[in-house]
Amino acid sequence: MKAGNVLVSGAGVAGLSAAYWLARRGWRVTVVERAPAPRAGGQAIDIRGSALEVVDRMGLLDRVRRARTALRGMSVVDADGVELSRDTEATLTGGVIDNDDVELMRDDLGTILIEAIGSSAEFVFGDSVATLTQDADGVMVTFEHAGPRRFDLVIGADGAHSRVRALAFGPEARFSHPLGRHIAIFTAENFLRLDYWQTCLRTEDRLIVLMSARHNTEARVLLNFRSTPDTPDHRDVQRQKEFLAAHFAGAGWEVPRMLKAMWRAPDFYFDQMCQIRMDDWWTGRIALVGDAAHCASPMAGQGTSLALVGGYVLAGELAAAADPRAGFGSYQREMAGYVAANQALATQERGAQANLAVRTAAANAITVKDY
């Protein structure tokens, strides 16, 4: 179809991938992001299988590999900090070390993608979509702060709690399927002087991970726990921190130092683990990509790859189609099997989920077309 102007809501990996490839296809791209600047922090993420091909086609594979975490292994400790086991063949966050997968920090990948997009897209930070009104020829968008604008297409890449999805498809509760666990992630000093290493403590219902990041200059803390009836929602940051301080009190090891770092961390993140399951990812001239359409949850370990591939396929199918409806329909058909295979990773038994062959098959469950 003939390229026009498109709004991408969300500057995460899915939004940046979509923005990059849409701009390459001739679209005039505007990216709106609620955060006041590119988001810092986040967990270690993985690029696997077909997503590596997409990154290579961006010309970014070498740069992405230079930013990898390069972890050498992991340790498991008890509440007293006594090492129980040591593994130099696999890590909890990245899986088997000796393979072609690339593990890097989420914010490092974001920086690489934004720099690759450069001036080919307009970025509007500190704002978000307020209303969407579409007709046969386009979508009128109002924003929380900026004046209204009209776009030929709107792409919702604004995560599992997507505002675009809520406006165009209905309440989140219709599509969100909680998996019974919550996660918190934030940056701390590398106070254990971890050397390309991660260390974790497991209890019956909690997982605590400390890993070095950015060439050992800092650390990231991951707190994973079974959801409880009083777990706060994703909006109340103060209540979230209070909850974590109480819930992880007495866990032992270095947890008190992690909780102390939590209070001053500028990049604190907290949310439930859930999957988004929808029959349709598009309606008229509005479509969803990444977690907004089909969040697999961190338990699958494939959200970044799904986001990278999704943006590529979306732009490619739109370029090949006669109209947006045909393009969006082809995009969903191309992605459906890939999404299903990777969402399944989150709900399989732990042994199968950790199996490299199973994960590799899911990571390659789509053939990347040469659009």
Protein backbone atom coordinates (compact mmCIF):
# COMPACT_ATOMS: atom_id res chain seq x y z
CA MET A 1 0.00 0.00 0.00
CA LYS A 2 1.01 3.61 -0.44
CA ALA A 3 2.90 4.88 2.60
CA GLY A 4 1.49 7.81 4.55
CA ASN A 5 1.81 9.04 8.08
CA VAL A 6 1.68 6.64 11.02
CA LEU A 7 1.63 7.02 14.78
CA VAL A 8 3.49 4.43 16.85
CA SER A 9 2.47 4.54 20.51
CA GLY A 10 5.33 3.28 22.69
CA ALA A 11 9.12 3.52 22.42
CA GLY A 12 9.92 0.05 23.69
CA VAL A 13 11.50 -2.61 21.52
CA ALA A 14 8.30 -3.36 19.58
CA GLY A 15 7.61 0.31 18.88
CA LEU A 16 11.19 1.01 17.87
CA SER A 17 11.30 -2.01 15.57
CA ALA A 18 8.03 -0.97 13.95
CA ALA A 19 9.19 2.64 13.64
CA TYR A 20 12.50 1.62 12.06
CA TRP A 21 10.96 -0.65 9.43
CA LEU A 22 7.97 1.59 8.66
CA ALA A 23 10.35 4.49 8.05
CA ARG A 24 12.43 2.25 5.80
CA ARG A 25 9.25 1.53 3.83
CA GLY A 26 8.62 5.23 3.27
CA TRP A 27 6.18 6.01 6.08
CA ARG A 28 6.32 9.32 7.94
CA VAL A 29 6.59 7.99 11.49
CA THR A 30 5.76 9.68 14.77
CA VAL A 31 6.59 7.81 18.00
CA VAL A 32 4.84 8.95 21.18
CA GLU A 33 6.11 7.70 24.53
CA ARG A 34 4.62 8.32 27.96
CA ALA A 35 8.01 8.43 29.68
CA PRO A 36 9.84 11.79 29.59
CA ALA A 37 12.90 10.23 27.96
CA PRO A 38 14.03 6.83 26.67
CA ARG A 39 13.45 4.41 29.50
CA ALA A 40 16.48 3.43 31.56
CA GLY A 41 16.94 0.16 33.40
CA GLY A 42 15.18 -3.10 32.76
CA GLN A 43 16.20 -6.71 32.82
CA ALA A 44 18.59 -8.69 30.70
CA ILE A 45 16.79 -9.61 27.50
CA ASP A 46 17.57 -12.14 24.79
CA ILE A 47 17.59 -11.98 21.00
CA ARG A 48 17.23 -15.44 19.53
CA GLY A 49 16.59 -17.30 16.30
CA SER A 50 14.67 -15.36 13.67
CA ALA A 51 15.06 -12.11 15.61
CA LEU A 52 18.81 -12.27 15.04
CA GLU A 53 18.10 -12.24 11.31
CA VAL A 54 15.96 -9.12 11.72
CA VAL A 55 18.70 -7.36 13.66
CA ASP A 56 21.21 -8.39 11.01
CA ARG A 57 19.01 -6.88 8.31
CA MET A 58 19.05 -3.65 10.32
CA GLY A 59 22.84 -3.72 10.13
CA LEU A 60 23.01 -3.78 13.93
CA LEU A 61 24.11 -7.30 14.74
CA ASP A 62 27.75 -6.47 15.43
CA ARG A 63 26.80 -3.56 17.67
CA VAL A 64 24.25 -5.66 19.55
CA ARG A 65 26.84 -8.38 20.11
CA ARG A 66 29.31 -5.80 21.50
CA ALA A 67 26.68 -4.80 24.07
CA ARG A 68 25.99 -8.34 25.27
CA THR A 69 26.16 -9.10 28.98
CA ALA A 70 28.94 -11.66 28.38
CA LEU A 71 28.05 -13.48 31.59
CA ARG A 72 30.43 -16.33 32.41
CA GLY A 73 28.03 -18.21 34.65
CA MET A 74 25.97 -18.18 37.82
CA SER A 75 25.90 -19.28 41.44
CA VAL A 76 23.09 -20.36 43.73
CA VAL A 77 23.42 -19.41 47.39
CA ASP A 78 21.43 -20.05 50.56
CA ALA A 79 20.03 -17.47 52.96
CA ASP A 80 23.42 -17.24 54.68
CA GLY A 81 25.19 -16.54 51.40
CA VAL A 82 26.83 -19.95 51.29
CA GLU A 83 27.33 -21.10 47.71
CA LEU A 84 25.31 -24.23 46.97
CA SER A 85 26.14 -24.65 43.29
CA ARG A 86 28.04 -23.03 40.44
CA ASP A 87 27.35 -23.27 36.70
CA THR A 88 29.57 -22.03 33.89
CA GLU A 89 27.47 -23.54 31.10
CA ALA A 90 24.19 -21.67 31.62
CA THR A 91 22.66 -18.71 33.46
CA LEU A 92 19.18 -18.19 34.82
CA THR A 93 18.46 -15.16 32.64
CA GLY A 94 20.15 -16.18 29.40
CA GLY A 95 20.06 -19.97 29.35
CA VAL A 96 22.87 -21.95 27.75
CA ILE A 97 25.91 -19.71 27.28
CA ASP A 98 27.54 -21.43 24.32
CA ASN A 99 25.07 -20.62 21.53
CA ASP A 100 24.25 -17.86 19.04
CA ASP A 101 21.73 -16.06 21.28
CA VAL A 102 22.57 -12.52 22.35
CA GLU A 103 21.76 -11.40 25.90
CA LEU A 104 21.99 -7.66 26.62
CA MET A 105 20.30 -5.12 28.85
CA ARG A 106 16.94 -3.85 27.65
CA ASP A 107 17.92 -0.19 27.83
CA ASP A 108 21.10 -0.82 25.85
CA LEU A 109 19.05 -2.34 23.04
CA GLY A 110 16.68 0.63 23.19
CA THR A 111 19.57 3.06 22.77
CA ILE A 112 20.91 1.13 19.80
CA LEU A 113 17.51 1.13 18.08
CA ILE A 114 16.82 4.83 18.71
CA GLU A 115 20.20 5.77 17.29
CA ALA A 116 19.57 3.57 14.26
CA ILE A 117 16.22 5.32 13.63
CA GLY A 118 17.82 8.74 14.00
CA SER A 119 15.91 11.53 12.29
CA SER A 120 13.80 9.18 10.17
CA ALA A 121 11.05 9.35 12.82
CA GLU A 122 9.68 12.10 15.03
CA PHE A 123 9.89 11.25 18.75
CA VAL A 124 7.48 12.83 21.24
CA PHE A 125 8.37 11.99 24.84
CA GLY A 126 6.30 12.79 27.91
CA ASP A 127 2.93 12.36 26.20
CA SER A 128 0.44 9.61 25.42
CA VAL A 129 -2.67 8.85 23.43
CA ALA A 130 -5.93 10.05 25.01
CA THR A 131 -8.58 9.18 22.41
CA LEU A 132 -8.80 7.49 19.02
CA THR A 133 -11.53 8.14 16.47
CA GLN A 134 -11.15 6.28 13.20
CA ASP A 135 -13.00 6.38 9.90
CA ALA A 136 -12.42 4.71 6.54
CA ASP A 137 -9.48 6.95 5.67
CA GLY A 138 -7.58 7.52 8.90
CA VAL A 139 -7.52 8.01 12.67
CA MET A 140 -7.96 11.25 14.60
CA VAL A 141 -5.81 11.11 17.72
CA THR A 142 -5.95 13.35 20.76
CA PHE A 143 -3.10 13.38 23.25
CA GLU A 144 -2.77 14.06 26.95
CA HIS A 145 -0.73 17.20 26.23
CA ALA A 146 -0.18 17.89 22.53
CA GLY A 147 -2.87 19.05 20.15
CA PRO A 148 -4.93 16.58 18.09
CA ARG A 149 -3.46 15.10 14.92
CA ARG A 150 -4.73 12.88 12.16
CA PHE A 151 -2.84 9.78 11.01
CA ASP A 152 -3.35 7.23 8.27
CA LEU A 153 -2.53 4.40 10.69
CA VAL A 154 -2.01 3.95 14.44
CA ILE A 155 0.21 1.20 15.84
CA GLY A 156 -0.16 0.32 19.51
CA ALA A 157 3.22 -0.81 20.82
CA ASP A 158 2.58 0.34 24.37
CA GLY A 159 3.00 -2.92 26.26
CA ALA A 160 0.82 -5.31 28.18
CA HIS A 161 -1.16 -2.42 29.69
CA SER A 162 -1.68 -0.83 26.27
CA ARG A 163 -3.73 2.35 26.14
CA VAL A 164 -4.26 1.92 22.40
CA ARG A 165 -5.62 -1.58 22.96
CA ALA A 166 -8.00 -0.37 25.66
CA LEU A 167 -9.34 2.41 23.42
CA ALA A 168 -9.66 0.32 20.26
CA PHE A 169 -10.46 -3.17 21.55
CA GLY A 170 -11.80 -2.91 25.10
CA PRO A 171 -10.75 -3.34 28.74
CA GLU A 172 -7.47 -5.04 29.58
CA ALA A 173 -9.24 -7.66 31.71
CA ARG A 174 -10.69 -9.22 28.53
CA PHE A 175 -7.24 -10.10 27.22
CA SER A 176 -4.88 -10.34 30.19
CA HIS A 177 -4.22 -13.77 31.71
CA PRO A 178 -2.13 -13.56 34.91
CA LEU A 179 0.41 -16.33 35.44
CA GLY A 180 0.49 -16.12 39.22
CA ARG A 181 3.79 -14.30 39.69
CA HIS A 182 5.10 -10.74 39.94
CA ILE A 183 8.51 -9.31 39.12
CA ALA A 184 10.50 -6.25 40.18
CA ILE A 185 13.71 -5.03 38.52
CA PHE A 186 16.02 -2.14 39.35
CA THR A 187 19.63 -0.99 39.14
CA ALA A 188 22.03 -1.13 42.08
CA GLU A 189 25.73 -0.71 42.63
CA ASN A 190 27.79 -3.80 41.90
CA PHE A 191 28.49 -4.08 45.63
CA LEU A 192 29.51 -7.75 45.41
CA ARG A 193 31.97 -6.93 42.63
CA LEU A 194 30.43 -9.58 40.43
CA ASP A 195 32.65 -10.25 37.43
CA TYR A 196 30.33 -11.00 34.48
CA TRP A 197 28.37 -13.19 36.86
CA GLN A 198 24.97 -13.62 38.42
CA THR A 199 24.05 -15.02 41.79
CA CYS A 200 20.62 -16.10 42.94
CA LEU A 201 18.76 -17.19 46.03
CA ARG A 202 15.67 -19.37 45.75
CA THR A 203 13.02 -19.93 48.37
CA GLU A 204 9.70 -21.72 48.08
CA ASP A 205 7.91 -18.74 46.56
CA ARG A 206 10.67 -16.19 45.86
CA LEU A 207 13.58 -15.83 43.48
CA ILE A 208 16.23 -13.17 44.06
CA VAL A 209 18.86 -12.48 41.39
CA LEU A 210 21.80 -10.10 41.43
CA MET A 211 23.79 -9.83 38.21
CA SER A 212 26.56 -7.63 36.93
CA ALA A 213 25.70 -5.36 34.03
CA ARG A 214 27.40 -3.02 31.61
CA HIS A 215 30.83 -4.52 31.92
CA ASN A 216 30.57 -4.84 35.72
CA THR A 217 30.03 -1.09 36.26
CA GLU A 218 26.63 -1.72 37.83
CA ALA A 219 24.27 -4.50 38.85
CA ARG A 220 20.64 -5.31 38.23
CA VAL A 221 18.38 -6.78 40.88
CA LEU A 222 15.50 -9.07 39.97
CA LEU A 223 12.87 -10.01 42.56
CA ASN A 224 10.41 -12.65 41.40
CA PHE A 225 7.63 -13.86 43.70
CA ARG A 226 4.31 -15.63 43.81
CA SER A 227 1.43 -13.16 43.55
CA THR A 228 -0.67 -12.62 46.66
CA PRO A 229 -4.13 -11.08 47.14
CA ASP A 230 -2.55 -7.91 48.57
CA THR A 231 0.07 -7.44 45.85
CA PRO A 232 -0.32 -3.84 44.61
CA ASP A 233 -1.02 -3.10 40.96
CA HIS A 234 1.46 -1.66 38.49
CA ARG A 235 0.51 1.99 39.08
CA ASP A 236 1.32 2.63 42.76
CA VAL A 237 5.13 2.77 42.97
CA GLN A 238 5.32 3.80 46.62
CA ARG A 239 3.01 0.97 47.66
CA GLN A 240 5.00 -1.47 45.50
CA LYS A 241 8.26 -0.62 47.26
CA GLU A 242 6.63 -0.85 50.67
CA PHE A 243 5.20 -4.24 49.73
CA LEU A 244 8.57 -5.57 48.54
CA ALA A 245 10.35 -4.28 51.63
CA ALA A 246 7.91 -6.24 53.80
CA HIS A 247 7.61 -9.30 51.55
CA PHE A 248 11.37 -9.83 51.25
CA ALA A 249 12.27 -8.89 54.81
CA GLY A 250 14.16 -11.72 56.45
CA ALA A 251 15.05 -13.39 53.15
CA GLY A 252 18.70 -13.26 54.13
CA TRP A 253 21.82 -13.13 51.95
CA GLU A 254 22.36 -9.59 50.56
CA VAL A 255 18.67 -8.79 50.27
CA PRO A 256 18.75 -5.89 52.81
CA ARG A 257 21.34 -4.11 50.65
CA MET A 258 19.23 -4.73 47.55
CA LEU A 259 16.13 -3.31 49.24
CA LYS A 260 18.09 -0.27 50.34
CA ALA A 261 19.13 0.28 46.72
CA MET A 262 15.52 -0.16 45.63
CA TRP A 263 14.40 2.99 47.43
CA ARG A 264 16.78 5.21 45.48
CA ALA A 265 16.78 3.35 42.14
CA PRO A 266 15.78 5.70 39.29
CA ASP A 267 14.60 2.84 37.06
CA PHE A 268 12.37 0.79 39.37
CA TYR A 269 9.99 -1.56 37.54
CA PHE A 270 7.22 -3.71 39.04
CA ASP A 271 4.45 -5.69 37.38
CA GLN A 272 2.61 -8.97 37.26
CA MET A 273 3.60 -11.68 34.83
CA CYS A 274 0.76 -12.19 32.40
CA GLN A 275 0.00 -13.15 28.84
CA ILE A 276 -2.11 -11.14 26.42
CA ARG A 277 -4.30 -13.34 24.24
CA MET A 278 -6.47 -11.81 21.52
CA ASP A 279 -8.40 -13.16 18.55
CA ASP A 280 -7.53 -10.11 16.45
CA TRP A 281 -4.59 -7.69 16.72
CA TRP A 282 -6.10 -5.07 14.45
CA THR A 283 -9.31 -3.21 13.77
CA GLY A 284 -9.70 -0.90 10.79
CA ARG A 285 -6.61 1.32 10.68
CA ILE A 286 -5.37 0.48 14.17
CA ALA A 287 -3.08 -2.48 14.92
CA LEU A 288 -1.07 -3.80 17.85
CA VAL A 289 2.48 -5.13 17.94
CA GLY A 290 4.64 -6.74 20.64
CA ASP A 291 3.33 -7.16 24.18
CA ALA A 292 0.27 -5.05 23.42
CA ALA A 293 -0.92 -7.76 21.03
CA HIS A 294 0.51 -10.98 22.46
CA CYS A 295 2.63 -10.58 25.59
CA ALA A 296 4.28 -13.92 26.32
CA SER A 297 5.60 -12.76 29.74
CA PRO A 298 9.20 -12.86 31.01
CA MET A 299 8.59 -16.51 31.87
CA ALA A 300 8.85 -17.30 28.15
CA GLY A 301 12.05 -15.31 27.65
CA GLN A 302 11.02 -14.40 24.11
CA GLY A 303 9.29 -11.03 24.37
CA THR A 304 12.16 -9.09 22.80
CA SER A 305 12.44 -11.46 19.86
CA LEU A 306 8.69 -11.33 19.30
CA ALA A 307 8.85 -7.53 19.37
CA LEU A 308 11.73 -7.28 16.90
CA VAL A 309 10.21 -9.73 14.44
CA GLY A 310 6.73 -8.27 14.83
CA GLY A 311 7.81 -4.78 13.81
CA TYR A 312 9.60 -6.15 10.76
CA VAL A 313 6.70 -8.34 9.62
CA LEU A 314 4.12 -5.58 10.22
CA ALA A 315 5.99 -3.09 8.03
CA GLY A 316 6.72 -5.67 5.37
CA GLU A 317 3.16 -6.94 5.06
CA LEU A 318 1.77 -3.39 4.91
CA ALA A 319 4.18 -2.58 2.08
CA ALA A 320 3.08 -5.68 0.17
CA ALA A 321 -0.66 -5.16 0.66
CA ALA A 322 -3.21 -3.18 -1.30
CA ASP A 323 -4.76 -1.65 1.82
CA PRO A 324 -4.17 -1.61 5.59
CA ARG A 325 -6.76 -4.25 6.38
CA ALA A 326 -5.12 -6.73 4.04
CA GLY A 327 -1.70 -5.82 5.43
CA PHE A 328 -2.75 -6.18 9.04
CA GLY A 329 -4.47 -9.47 8.32
CA SER A 330 -1.37 -10.89 6.61
CA TYR A 331 0.80 -9.64 9.46
CA GLN A 332 -1.26 -11.54 12.03
CA ARG A 333 -1.36 -14.71 9.94
CA GLU A 334 2.43 -14.64 9.51
CA MET A 335 3.03 -14.12 13.22
CA ALA A 336 0.35 -16.37 14.72
CA GLY A 337 2.29 -19.65 14.84
CA TYR A 338 5.45 -17.92 16.08
CA VAL A 339 3.52 -16.23 18.88
CA ALA A 340 1.75 -19.45 19.90
CA ALA A 341 5.01 -21.42 20.07
CA ASN A 342 6.67 -18.80 22.25
CA GLN A 343 3.74 -18.17 24.55
CA ALA A 344 3.71 -21.92 25.20
CA LEU A 345 7.22 -21.69 26.69
CA ALA A 346 5.87 -19.79 29.70
CA THR A 347 3.39 -22.45 30.72
CA GLN A 348 5.41 -25.60 30.12
CA GLU A 349 7.02 -27.52 32.91
CA ARG A 350 10.33 -26.07 34.03
CA GLY A 351 12.36 -28.90 32.54
CA ALA A 352 10.86 -28.44 29.09
CA GLN A 353 11.13 -24.68 29.30
CA ALA A 354 14.83 -24.94 30.04
CA ASN A 355 15.41 -27.42 27.23
CA LEU A 356 17.52 -25.74 24.55
CA ALA A 357 15.93 -27.71 21.70
CA VAL A 358 12.41 -26.66 22.71
CA ARG A 359 13.38 -23.02 23.02
CA THR A 360 15.35 -23.05 19.78
CA ALA A 361 12.37 -24.47 17.89
CA ALA A 362 10.13 -21.72 19.26
CA ALA A 363 12.72 -19.03 18.45
CA ASN A 364 12.79 -20.20 14.82
CA ALA A 365 9.06 -20.84 14.42
CA ILE A 366 8.83 -18.16 11.75
CA THR A 367 10.71 -17.77 8.49
CA VAL A 368 11.80 -14.16 8.07
CA LYS A 369 10.66 -13.11 4.61
CA ASP A 370 12.75 -10.91 2.36
CA TYR A 371 10.17 -8.18 1.80
